[in-house]
Amino acid sequence: MQDTRRTSLFDLSGRTALVTGSARGIGFSLAEGLAHAGARVIVNGTRADTVEQAVGRLGAQGLEAQGRAFDVTDEAAVAEAFEQWDTKGVQVDILINNAGIQFRKPLVELELSDWQRVIDTNLTSAFIVAKQAARRMIGRGTGGKIINIGSLTSEGARATVGAYTAAKGGVKMLTRAMSAEWAAANIQANAIGPGYILTDMNQALIDNAAFDAWVKSSNPSQRWGKPEELVGTAVYLASAASSYVNGQIIYVDGGWLAVL
């Protein structure tokens, strides 16, 4: 007989989860995973057509999903989205700040505009969206879950990804700042640090034979991770099972950071 006391810890039924940057890639896998755990999910992206397609893919599986296209770096657009949800009685209980971009260039050649674009998308957007979500979580008095997506570069650096490294390092510390300010309101703010994952954003690296060989030889698991391998950690951090876990970053990297 199944122990319902254990499974209920991870049950997200009755909860609404907003996952930014979830029209494809890691974000879509996270939205799909939370929906399978019982959550109603809100898919987000900058293009209405890709958001609609992602919602359709989830709906075809019998999962409850809706979509909202907006730019997570645009504070006015984010505020408007939350105000619209307020009007419709939609309460975001779980937020996953997943939206992100990468731009590879040596720091001495990096334009300020490209630096700012990476910082805004990967770090500042997490602050903008979480601020709106947390205000409402605090106001309702019911708490909530905020999950920020970090990276291996939240812990260490690699050449040519300086802006991304700075942004993801900032995500780790922003997560701790959120915990320091919001834990008393029963909001758990944590982060996930994925290793090298098979995604569209990494396709050029996957196709690079030398880089692919380096990833496989330097990781104890000797392979790339898959987007769906992040789902278990996300469901855990979104659920009652992590009610006393706060301000942490959990690396899902196949053991990468464990070795020299």
C-alpha atoms as a PDB file:
ATOM      1  CA  MET A   1       0.000   0.000   0.000  1.00  0.00           C
ATOM      2  CA  GLN A   2       1.290   3.445  -0.926  1.00  0.00           C
ATOM      3  CA  ASP A   3       2.244   5.685   2.005  1.00  0.00           C
ATOM      4  CA  THR A   4       0.213   8.832   1.280  1.00  0.00           C
ATOM      5  CA  ARG A   5       1.983  10.701   4.072  1.00  0.00           C
ATOM      6  CA  ARG A   6       5.183  10.546   2.041  1.00  0.00           C
ATOM      7  CA  THR A   7       3.752  11.253  -1.383  1.00  0.00           C
ATOM      8  CA  SER A   8       1.702  14.191  -0.107  1.00  0.00           C
ATOM      9  CA  LEU A   9       4.930  15.954   0.836  1.00  0.00           C
ATOM     10  CA  PHE A  10       5.641  16.352  -2.881  1.00  0.00           C
ATOM     11  CA  ASP A  11       2.054  16.915  -4.017  1.00  0.00           C
ATOM     12  CA  LEU A  12       1.583  20.334  -5.650  1.00  0.00           C
ATOM     13  CA  SER A  13      -2.152  20.006  -6.205  1.00  0.00           C
ATOM     14  CA  GLY A  14      -3.991  23.279  -5.749  1.00  0.00           C
ATOM     15  CA  ARG A  15      -0.821  25.331  -6.266  1.00  0.00           C
ATOM     16  CA  THR A  16      -0.102  27.688  -9.145  1.00  0.00           C
ATOM     17  CA  ALA A  17       3.447  27.876 -10.500  1.00  0.00           C
ATOM     18  CA  LEU A  18       4.899  30.559 -12.760  1.00  0.00           C
ATOM     19  CA  VAL A  19       8.003  29.418 -14.637  1.00  0.00           C
ATOM     20  CA  THR A  20       9.771  32.175 -16.550  1.00  0.00           C
ATOM     21  CA  GLY A  21      11.442  31.321 -19.838  1.00  0.00           C
ATOM     22  CA  SER A  22       9.470  28.093 -20.049  1.00  0.00           C
ATOM     23  CA  ALA A  23       8.432  27.911 -23.688  1.00  0.00           C
ATOM     24  CA  ARG A  24      11.304  25.491 -24.321  1.00  0.00           C
ATOM     25  CA  GLY A  25      14.419  23.928 -22.850  1.00  0.00           C
ATOM     26  CA  ILE A  26      14.967  23.614 -19.115  1.00  0.00           C
ATOM     27  CA  GLY A  27      12.061  25.927 -18.365  1.00  0.00           C
ATOM     28  CA  PHE A  28       9.589  23.766 -20.264  1.00  0.00           C
ATOM     29  CA  SER A  29      10.821  20.612 -18.538  1.00  0.00           C
ATOM     30  CA  LEU A  30      10.399  22.288 -15.144  1.00  0.00           C
ATOM     31  CA  ALA A  31       6.886  23.496 -15.980  1.00  0.00           C
ATOM     32  CA  GLU A  32       5.979  20.030 -17.238  1.00  0.00           C
ATOM     33  CA  GLY A  33       7.402  18.382 -14.119  1.00  0.00           C
ATOM     34  CA  LEU A  34       5.544  20.689 -11.731  1.00  0.00           C
ATOM     35  CA  ALA A  35       2.330  20.120 -13.679  1.00  0.00           C
ATOM     36  CA  HIS A  36       2.757  16.334 -13.383  1.00  0.00           C
ATOM     37  CA  ALA A  37       3.152  16.885  -9.622  1.00  0.00           C
ATOM     38  CA  GLY A  38      -0.280  18.532  -9.611  1.00  0.00           C
ATOM     39  CA  ALA A  39       0.446  22.237 -10.053  1.00  0.00           C
ATOM     40  CA  ARG A  40      -1.360  24.581 -12.387  1.00  0.00           C
ATOM     41  CA  VAL A  41       1.444  26.110 -14.429  1.00  0.00           C
ATOM     42  CA  ILE A  42       1.867  29.454 -16.137  1.00  0.00           C
ATOM     43  CA  VAL A  43       4.196  29.292 -19.122  1.00  0.00           C
ATOM     44  CA  ASN A  44       6.177  32.436 -19.891  1.00  0.00           C
ATOM     45  CA  GLY A  45       8.332  33.613 -22.757  1.00  0.00           C
ATOM     46  CA  THR A  46       8.844  36.733 -24.836  1.00  0.00           C
ATOM     47  CA  ARG A  47       6.938  35.407 -27.889  1.00  0.00           C
ATOM     48  CA  ALA A  48       3.220  34.743 -27.708  1.00  0.00           C
ATOM     49  CA  ASP A  49       3.365  32.048 -30.404  1.00  0.00           C
ATOM     50  CA  THR A  50       5.984  29.885 -28.689  1.00  0.00           C
ATOM     51  CA  VAL A  51       4.217  30.309 -25.341  1.00  0.00           C
ATOM     52  CA  GLU A  52       0.949  29.184 -26.919  1.00  0.00           C
ATOM     53  CA  GLN A  53       2.662  26.162 -28.474  1.00  0.00           C
ATOM     54  CA  ALA A  54       4.161  25.165 -25.110  1.00  0.00           C
ATOM     55  CA  VAL A  55       0.769  25.478 -23.409  1.00  0.00           C
ATOM     56  CA  GLY A  56      -0.670  23.262 -26.141  1.00  0.00           C
ATOM     57  CA  ARG A  57       1.998  20.614 -25.575  1.00  0.00           C
ATOM     58  CA  LEU A  58       1.166  20.522 -21.874  1.00  0.00           C
ATOM     59  CA  GLY A  59      -2.564  20.500 -22.508  1.00  0.00           C
ATOM     60  CA  ALA A  60      -2.164  17.548 -24.866  1.00  0.00           C
ATOM     61  CA  GLN A  61      -0.846  15.582 -21.866  1.00  0.00           C
ATOM     62  CA  GLY A  62      -3.898  16.485 -19.821  1.00  0.00           C
ATOM     63  CA  LEU A  63      -1.945  18.997 -17.745  1.00  0.00           C
ATOM     64  CA  GLU A  64      -3.403  22.291 -16.529  1.00  0.00           C
ATOM     65  CA  ALA A  65      -1.518  25.204 -18.082  1.00  0.00           C
ATOM     66  CA  GLN A  66      -1.961  28.758 -19.246  1.00  0.00           C
ATOM     67  CA  GLY A  67       0.470  31.165 -20.856  1.00  0.00           C
ATOM     68  CA  ARG A  68       1.564  34.759 -20.584  1.00  0.00           C
ATOM     69  CA  ALA A  69       4.115  36.395 -22.893  1.00  0.00           C
ATOM     70  CA  PHE A  70       6.122  39.236 -21.373  1.00  0.00           C
ATOM     71  CA  ASP A  71       9.709  40.402 -21.055  1.00  0.00           C
ATOM     72  CA  VAL A  72      10.982  39.560 -17.568  1.00  0.00           C
ATOM     73  CA  THR A  73      13.465  42.451 -17.736  1.00  0.00           C
ATOM     74  CA  ASP A  74      10.630  44.970 -18.210  1.00  0.00           C
ATOM     75  CA  GLU A  75       9.419  45.926 -14.738  1.00  0.00           C
ATOM     76  CA  ALA A  76       6.223  47.545 -16.023  1.00  0.00           C
ATOM     77  CA  ALA A  77       5.334  44.471 -18.098  1.00  0.00           C
ATOM     78  CA  VAL A  78       5.946  42.169 -15.136  1.00  0.00           C
ATOM     79  CA  ALA A  79       3.818  44.325 -12.842  1.00  0.00           C
ATOM     80  CA  GLU A  80       1.031  44.393 -15.428  1.00  0.00           C
ATOM     81  CA  ALA A  81       1.055  40.593 -15.685  1.00  0.00           C
ATOM     82  CA  PHE A  82       0.666  40.198 -11.929  1.00  0.00           C
ATOM     83  CA  GLU A  83      -2.073  42.826 -11.827  1.00  0.00           C
ATOM     84  CA  GLN A  84      -3.959  40.925 -14.530  1.00  0.00           C
ATOM     85  CA  TRP A  85      -3.636  37.715 -12.516  1.00  0.00           C
ATOM     86  CA  ASP A  86      -4.905  39.578  -9.450  1.00  0.00           C
ATOM     87  CA  THR A  87      -7.983  40.615 -11.408  1.00  0.00           C
ATOM     88  CA  LYS A  88      -8.599  37.025 -12.492  1.00  0.00           C
ATOM     89  CA  GLY A  89      -8.024  35.599  -9.029  1.00  0.00           C
ATOM     90  CA  VAL A  90      -4.828  33.809 -10.057  1.00  0.00           C
ATOM     91  CA  GLN A  91      -2.397  33.499  -7.146  1.00  0.00           C
ATOM     92  CA  VAL A  92       1.209  32.545  -7.870  1.00  0.00           C
ATOM     93  CA  ASP A  93       2.272  30.186  -5.062  1.00  0.00           C
ATOM     94  CA  ILE A  94       5.463  28.947  -6.729  1.00  0.00           C
ATOM     95  CA  LEU A  95       7.852  31.014  -8.829  1.00  0.00           C
ATOM     96  CA  ILE A  96      10.746  29.578 -10.803  1.00  0.00           C
ATOM     97  CA  ASN A  97      13.035  32.285 -12.170  1.00  0.00           C
ATOM     98  CA  ASN A  98      14.450  30.359 -15.095  1.00  0.00           C
ATOM     99  CA  ALA A  99      14.709  32.920 -17.927  1.00  0.00           C
ATOM    100  CA  GLY A 100      18.286  33.343 -19.076  1.00  0.00           C
ATOM    101  CA  ILE A 101      20.642  33.958 -21.977  1.00  0.00           C
ATOM    102  CA  GLN A 102      24.306  33.296 -22.685  1.00  0.00           C
ATOM    103  CA  PHE A 103      26.805  35.428 -24.604  1.00  0.00           C
ATOM    104  CA  ARG A 104      30.322  34.088 -25.116  1.00  0.00           C
ATOM    105  CA  LYS A 105      33.114  36.613 -25.575  1.00  0.00           C
ATOM    106  CA  PRO A 106      36.365  37.517 -23.789  1.00  0.00           C
ATOM    107  CA  LEU A 107      35.835  40.272 -21.213  1.00  0.00           C
ATOM    108  CA  VAL A 108      38.250  42.654 -22.966  1.00  0.00           C
ATOM    109  CA  GLU A 109      36.111  42.414 -26.103  1.00  0.00           C
ATOM    110  CA  LEU A 110      32.707  42.457 -24.424  1.00  0.00           C
ATOM    111  CA  GLU A 111      30.520  45.477 -25.142  1.00  0.00           C
ATOM    112  CA  LEU A 112      28.797  47.086 -22.178  1.00  0.00           C
ATOM    113  CA  SER A 113      25.425  46.610 -23.875  1.00  0.00           C
ATOM    114  CA  ASP A 114      25.996  42.842 -24.090  1.00  0.00           C
ATOM    115  CA  TRP A 115      27.195  42.705 -20.476  1.00  0.00           C
ATOM    116  CA  GLN A 116      24.066  44.565 -19.363  1.00  0.00           C
ATOM    117  CA  ARG A 117      21.766  42.344 -21.432  1.00  0.00           C
ATOM    118  CA  VAL A 118      23.136  39.196 -19.776  1.00  0.00           C
ATOM    119  CA  ILE A 119      22.995  40.711 -16.279  1.00  0.00           C
ATOM    120  CA  ASP A 120      19.461  42.009 -16.814  1.00  0.00           C
ATOM    121  CA  THR A 121      18.103  38.731 -18.179  1.00  0.00           C
ATOM    122  CA  ASN A 122      19.818  36.323 -15.804  1.00  0.00           C
ATOM    123  CA  LEU A 123      19.935  38.314 -12.555  1.00  0.00           C
ATOM    124  CA  THR A 124      17.875  41.499 -12.546  1.00  0.00           C
ATOM    125  CA  SER A 125      14.811  39.728 -13.917  1.00  0.00           C
ATOM    126  CA  ALA A 126      14.853  37.348 -10.939  1.00  0.00           C
ATOM    127  CA  PHE A 127      14.641  40.361  -8.624  1.00  0.00           C
ATOM    128  CA  ILE A 128      11.894  42.031 -10.680  1.00  0.00           C
ATOM    129  CA  VAL A 129       9.624  38.986 -10.891  1.00  0.00           C
ATOM    130  CA  ALA A 130      10.266  37.763  -7.350  1.00  0.00           C
ATOM    131  CA  LYS A 131       9.466  41.197  -5.934  1.00  0.00           C
ATOM    132  CA  GLN A 132       5.990  41.077  -7.450  1.00  0.00           C
ATOM    133  CA  ALA A 133       5.420  37.470  -6.381  1.00  0.00           C
ATOM    134  CA  ALA A 134       6.723  37.969  -2.836  1.00  0.00           C
ATOM    135  CA  ARG A 135       4.611  41.065  -2.218  1.00  0.00           C
ATOM    136  CA  ARG A 136       1.524  38.994  -2.857  1.00  0.00           C
ATOM    137  CA  MET A 137       2.746  35.946  -0.935  1.00  0.00           C
ATOM    138  CA  ILE A 138       3.410  38.179   2.068  1.00  0.00           C
ATOM    139  CA  GLY A 139       0.093  39.989   1.678  1.00  0.00           C
ATOM    140  CA  ARG A 140      -1.877  36.723   1.576  1.00  0.00           C
ATOM    141  CA  GLY A 141      -0.070  35.433   4.648  1.00  0.00           C
ATOM    142  CA  THR A 142       0.237  31.975   3.124  1.00  0.00           C
ATOM    143  CA  GLY A 143       3.904  32.021   2.183  1.00  0.00           C
ATOM    144  CA  GLY A 144       5.231  30.543  -1.017  1.00  0.00           C
ATOM    145  CA  LYS A 145       8.167  29.094  -2.895  1.00  0.00           C
ATOM    146  CA  ILE A 146      10.747  30.923  -4.996  1.00  0.00           C
ATOM    147  CA  ILE A 147      13.273  28.903  -6.962  1.00  0.00           C
ATOM    148  CA  ASN A 148      16.033  30.716  -8.841  1.00  0.00           C
ATOM    149  CA  ILE A 149      18.060  28.970 -11.508  1.00  0.00           C
ATOM    150  CA  GLY A 150      21.776  29.373 -10.971  1.00  0.00           C
ATOM    151  CA  SER A 151      24.612  27.498 -12.650  1.00  0.00           C
ATOM    152  CA  LEU A 152      27.969  25.873 -12.062  1.00  0.00           C
ATOM    153  CA  THR A 153      29.185  29.422 -12.618  1.00  0.00           C
ATOM    154  CA  SER A 154      27.437  30.404  -9.400  1.00  0.00           C
ATOM    155  CA  GLU A 155      30.455  28.658  -7.851  1.00  0.00           C
ATOM    156  CA  GLY A 156      33.299  28.922 -10.361  1.00  0.00           C
ATOM    157  CA  ALA A 157      34.320  30.736 -13.528  1.00  0.00           C
ATOM    158  CA  ARG A 158      35.242  29.846 -17.080  1.00  0.00           C
ATOM    159  CA  ALA A 159      36.823  32.030 -19.724  1.00  0.00           C
ATOM    160  CA  THR A 160      34.566  33.883 -22.207  1.00  0.00           C
ATOM    161  CA  VAL A 161      31.433  33.816 -20.019  1.00  0.00           C
ATOM    162  CA  GLY A 162      32.280  36.618 -17.597  1.00  0.00           C
ATOM    163  CA  ALA A 163      28.898  38.349 -17.647  1.00  0.00           C
ATOM    164  CA  TYR A 164      27.051  35.064 -17.208  1.00  0.00           C
ATOM    165  CA  THR A 165      29.373  34.103 -14.345  1.00  0.00           C
ATOM    166  CA  ALA A 166      28.774  37.429 -12.603  1.00  0.00           C
ATOM    167  CA  ALA A 167      25.014  37.079 -13.090  1.00  0.00           C
ATOM    168  CA  LYS A 168      24.809  33.505 -11.817  1.00  0.00           C
ATOM    169  CA  GLY A 169      27.065  34.280  -8.871  1.00  0.00           C
ATOM    170  CA  GLY A 170      24.653  37.097  -8.143  1.00  0.00           C
ATOM    171  CA  VAL A 171      21.719  34.683  -8.344  1.00  0.00           C
ATOM    172  CA  LYS A 172      23.221  32.641  -5.502  1.00  0.00           C
ATOM    173  CA  MET A 173      23.578  35.695  -3.274  1.00  0.00           C
ATOM    174  CA  LEU A 174      20.215  37.162  -4.308  1.00  0.00           C
ATOM    175  CA  THR A 175      18.649  33.867  -3.225  1.00  0.00           C
ATOM    176  CA  ARG A 176      20.251  34.258   0.196  1.00  0.00           C
ATOM    177  CA  ALA A 177      19.058  37.860   0.413  1.00  0.00           C
ATOM    178  CA  MET A 178      15.506  36.755  -0.387  1.00  0.00           C
ATOM    179  CA  SER A 179      15.727  34.138   2.345  1.00  0.00           C
ATOM    180  CA  ALA A 180      17.023  36.668   4.864  1.00  0.00           C
ATOM    181  CA  GLU A 181      14.124  39.031   4.185  1.00  0.00           C
ATOM    182  CA  TRP A 182      11.224  36.687   3.453  1.00  0.00           C
ATOM    183  CA  ALA A 183      11.746  33.531   5.524  1.00  0.00           C
ATOM    184  CA  ALA A 184       9.697  34.964   8.399  1.00  0.00           C
ATOM    185  CA  ALA A 185       6.763  35.240   5.974  1.00  0.00           C
ATOM    186  CA  ASN A 186       7.000  31.486   5.287  1.00  0.00           C
ATOM    187  CA  ILE A 187       8.573  32.012   1.887  1.00  0.00           C
ATOM    188  CA  GLN A 188      11.318  29.552   1.036  1.00  0.00           C
ATOM    189  CA  ALA A 189      13.748  30.963  -1.519  1.00  0.00           C
ATOM    190  CA  ASN A 190      16.258  28.495  -2.899  1.00  0.00           C
ATOM    191  CA  ALA A 191      18.202  27.923  -6.105  1.00  0.00           C
ATOM    192  CA  ILE A 192      19.163  25.110  -8.445  1.00  0.00           C
ATOM    193  CA  GLY A 193      22.596  25.066 -10.061  1.00  0.00           C
ATOM    194  CA  PRO A 194      22.471  22.920 -13.198  1.00  0.00           C
ATOM    195  CA  GLY A 195      25.617  21.433 -14.652  1.00  0.00           C
ATOM    196  CA  TYR A 196      26.116  21.119 -18.396  1.00  0.00           C
ATOM    197  CA  ILE A 197      22.664  20.229 -19.709  1.00  0.00           C
ATOM    198  CA  LEU A 198      21.544  19.153 -23.180  1.00  0.00           C
ATOM    199  CA  THR A 199      19.612  22.258 -24.242  1.00  0.00           C
ATOM    200  CA  ASP A 200      19.211  24.467 -27.297  1.00  0.00           C
ATOM    201  CA  MET A 201      21.327  27.154 -25.608  1.00  0.00           C
ATOM    202  CA  ASN A 202      24.225  24.687 -25.367  1.00  0.00           C
ATOM    203  CA  GLN A 203      23.813  23.228 -28.851  1.00  0.00           C
ATOM    204  CA  ALA A 204      26.965  24.862 -30.222  1.00  0.00           C
ATOM    205  CA  LEU A 205      28.963  23.340 -27.354  1.00  0.00           C
ATOM    206  CA  ILE A 206      27.323  19.953 -27.802  1.00  0.00           C
ATOM    207  CA  ASP A 207      28.260  20.013 -31.488  1.00  0.00           C
ATOM    208  CA  ASN A 208      31.859  21.007 -30.684  1.00  0.00           C
ATOM    209  CA  ALA A 209      33.703  17.675 -30.536  1.00  0.00           C
ATOM    210  CA  ALA A 210      36.500  18.974 -28.302  1.00  0.00           C
ATOM    211  CA  PHE A 211      34.150  20.634 -25.836  1.00  0.00           C
ATOM    212  CA  ASP A 212      31.827  17.625 -25.785  1.00  0.00           C
ATOM    213  CA  ALA A 213      34.796  15.374 -25.000  1.00  0.00           C
ATOM    214  CA  TRP A 214      35.939  17.741 -22.234  1.00  0.00           C
ATOM    215  CA  VAL A 215      32.478  17.745 -20.616  1.00  0.00           C
ATOM    216  CA  LYS A 216      32.337  13.962 -20.623  1.00  0.00           C
ATOM    217  CA  SER A 217      35.908  13.411 -19.437  1.00  0.00           C
ATOM    218  CA  SER A 218      35.850  15.986 -16.607  1.00  0.00           C
ATOM    219  CA  ASN A 219      32.483  14.970 -15.119  1.00  0.00           C
ATOM    220  CA  PRO A 220      32.396  11.882 -12.862  1.00  0.00           C
ATOM    221  CA  SER A 221      29.141  10.866 -14.567  1.00  0.00           C
ATOM    222  CA  GLN A 222      30.904  11.099 -17.957  1.00  0.00           C
ATOM    223  CA  ARG A 223      27.915  12.614 -19.709  1.00  0.00           C
ATOM    224  CA  TRP A 224      25.775  15.714 -20.152  1.00  0.00           C
ATOM    225  CA  GLY A 225      22.697  16.115 -17.971  1.00  0.00           C
ATOM    226  CA  LYS A 226      19.169  16.089 -19.326  1.00  0.00           C
ATOM    227  CA  PRO A 227      16.608  18.851 -18.648  1.00  0.00           C
ATOM    228  CA  GLU A 228      14.219  16.380 -17.024  1.00  0.00           C
ATOM    229  CA  GLU A 229      16.905  15.489 -14.469  1.00  0.00           C
ATOM    230  CA  LEU A 230      16.335  18.886 -12.843  1.00  0.00           C
ATOM    231  CA  VAL A 231      12.650  18.209 -12.240  1.00  0.00           C
ATOM    232  CA  GLY A 232      12.985  16.189  -9.043  1.00  0.00           C
ATOM    233  CA  THR A 233      14.941  18.955  -7.327  1.00  0.00           C
ATOM    234  CA  ALA A 234      12.459  21.567  -8.529  1.00  0.00           C
ATOM    235  CA  VAL A 235       9.464  19.587  -7.248  1.00  0.00           C
ATOM    236  CA  TYR A 236      11.230  19.090  -3.915  1.00  0.00           C
ATOM    237  CA  LEU A 237      11.964  22.810  -3.535  1.00  0.00           C
ATOM    238  CA  ALA A 238       8.415  23.709  -4.630  1.00  0.00           C
ATOM    239  CA  SER A 239       6.783  21.310  -2.178  1.00  0.00           C
ATOM    240  CA  ALA A 240       6.114  20.957   1.543  1.00  0.00           C
ATOM    241  CA  ALA A 241       9.067  18.563   1.711  1.00  0.00           C
ATOM    242  CA  SER A 242      11.431  21.571   1.763  1.00  0.00           C
ATOM    243  CA  SER A 243       9.515  23.715   4.275  1.00  0.00           C
ATOM    244  CA  TYR A 244      12.642  24.321   6.399  1.00  0.00           C
ATOM    245  CA  VAL A 245      15.124  24.610   3.526  1.00  0.00           C
ATOM    246  CA  ASN A 246      15.922  28.239   2.780  1.00  0.00           C
ATOM    247  CA  GLY A 247      18.644  30.262   1.095  1.00  0.00           C
ATOM    248  CA  GLN A 248      20.327  27.205  -0.406  1.00  0.00           C
ATOM    249  CA  ILE A 249      21.608  26.373  -3.869  1.00  0.00           C
ATOM    250  CA  ILE A 250      21.481  22.713  -4.868  1.00  0.00           C
ATOM    251  CA  TYR A 251      23.831  21.734  -7.665  1.00  0.00           C
ATOM    252  CA  VAL A 252      22.543  19.131 -10.104  1.00  0.00           C
ATOM    253  CA  ASP A 253      25.756  18.514 -11.969  1.00  0.00           C
ATOM    254  CA  GLY A 254      26.534  14.794 -12.039  1.00  0.00           C
ATOM    255  CA  GLY A 255      29.231  15.277  -9.377  1.00  0.00           C
ATOM    256  CA  TRP A 256      31.170  17.982 -11.214  1.00  0.00           C
ATOM    257  CA  LEU A 257      31.861  20.223  -8.233  1.00  0.00           C
ATOM    258  CA  ALA A 258      32.851  17.249  -6.088  1.00  0.00           C
ATOM    259  CA  VAL A 259      36.121  16.616  -7.943  1.00  0.00           C
ATOM    260  CA  LEU A 260      39.275  18.538  -8.809  1.00  0.00           C
END
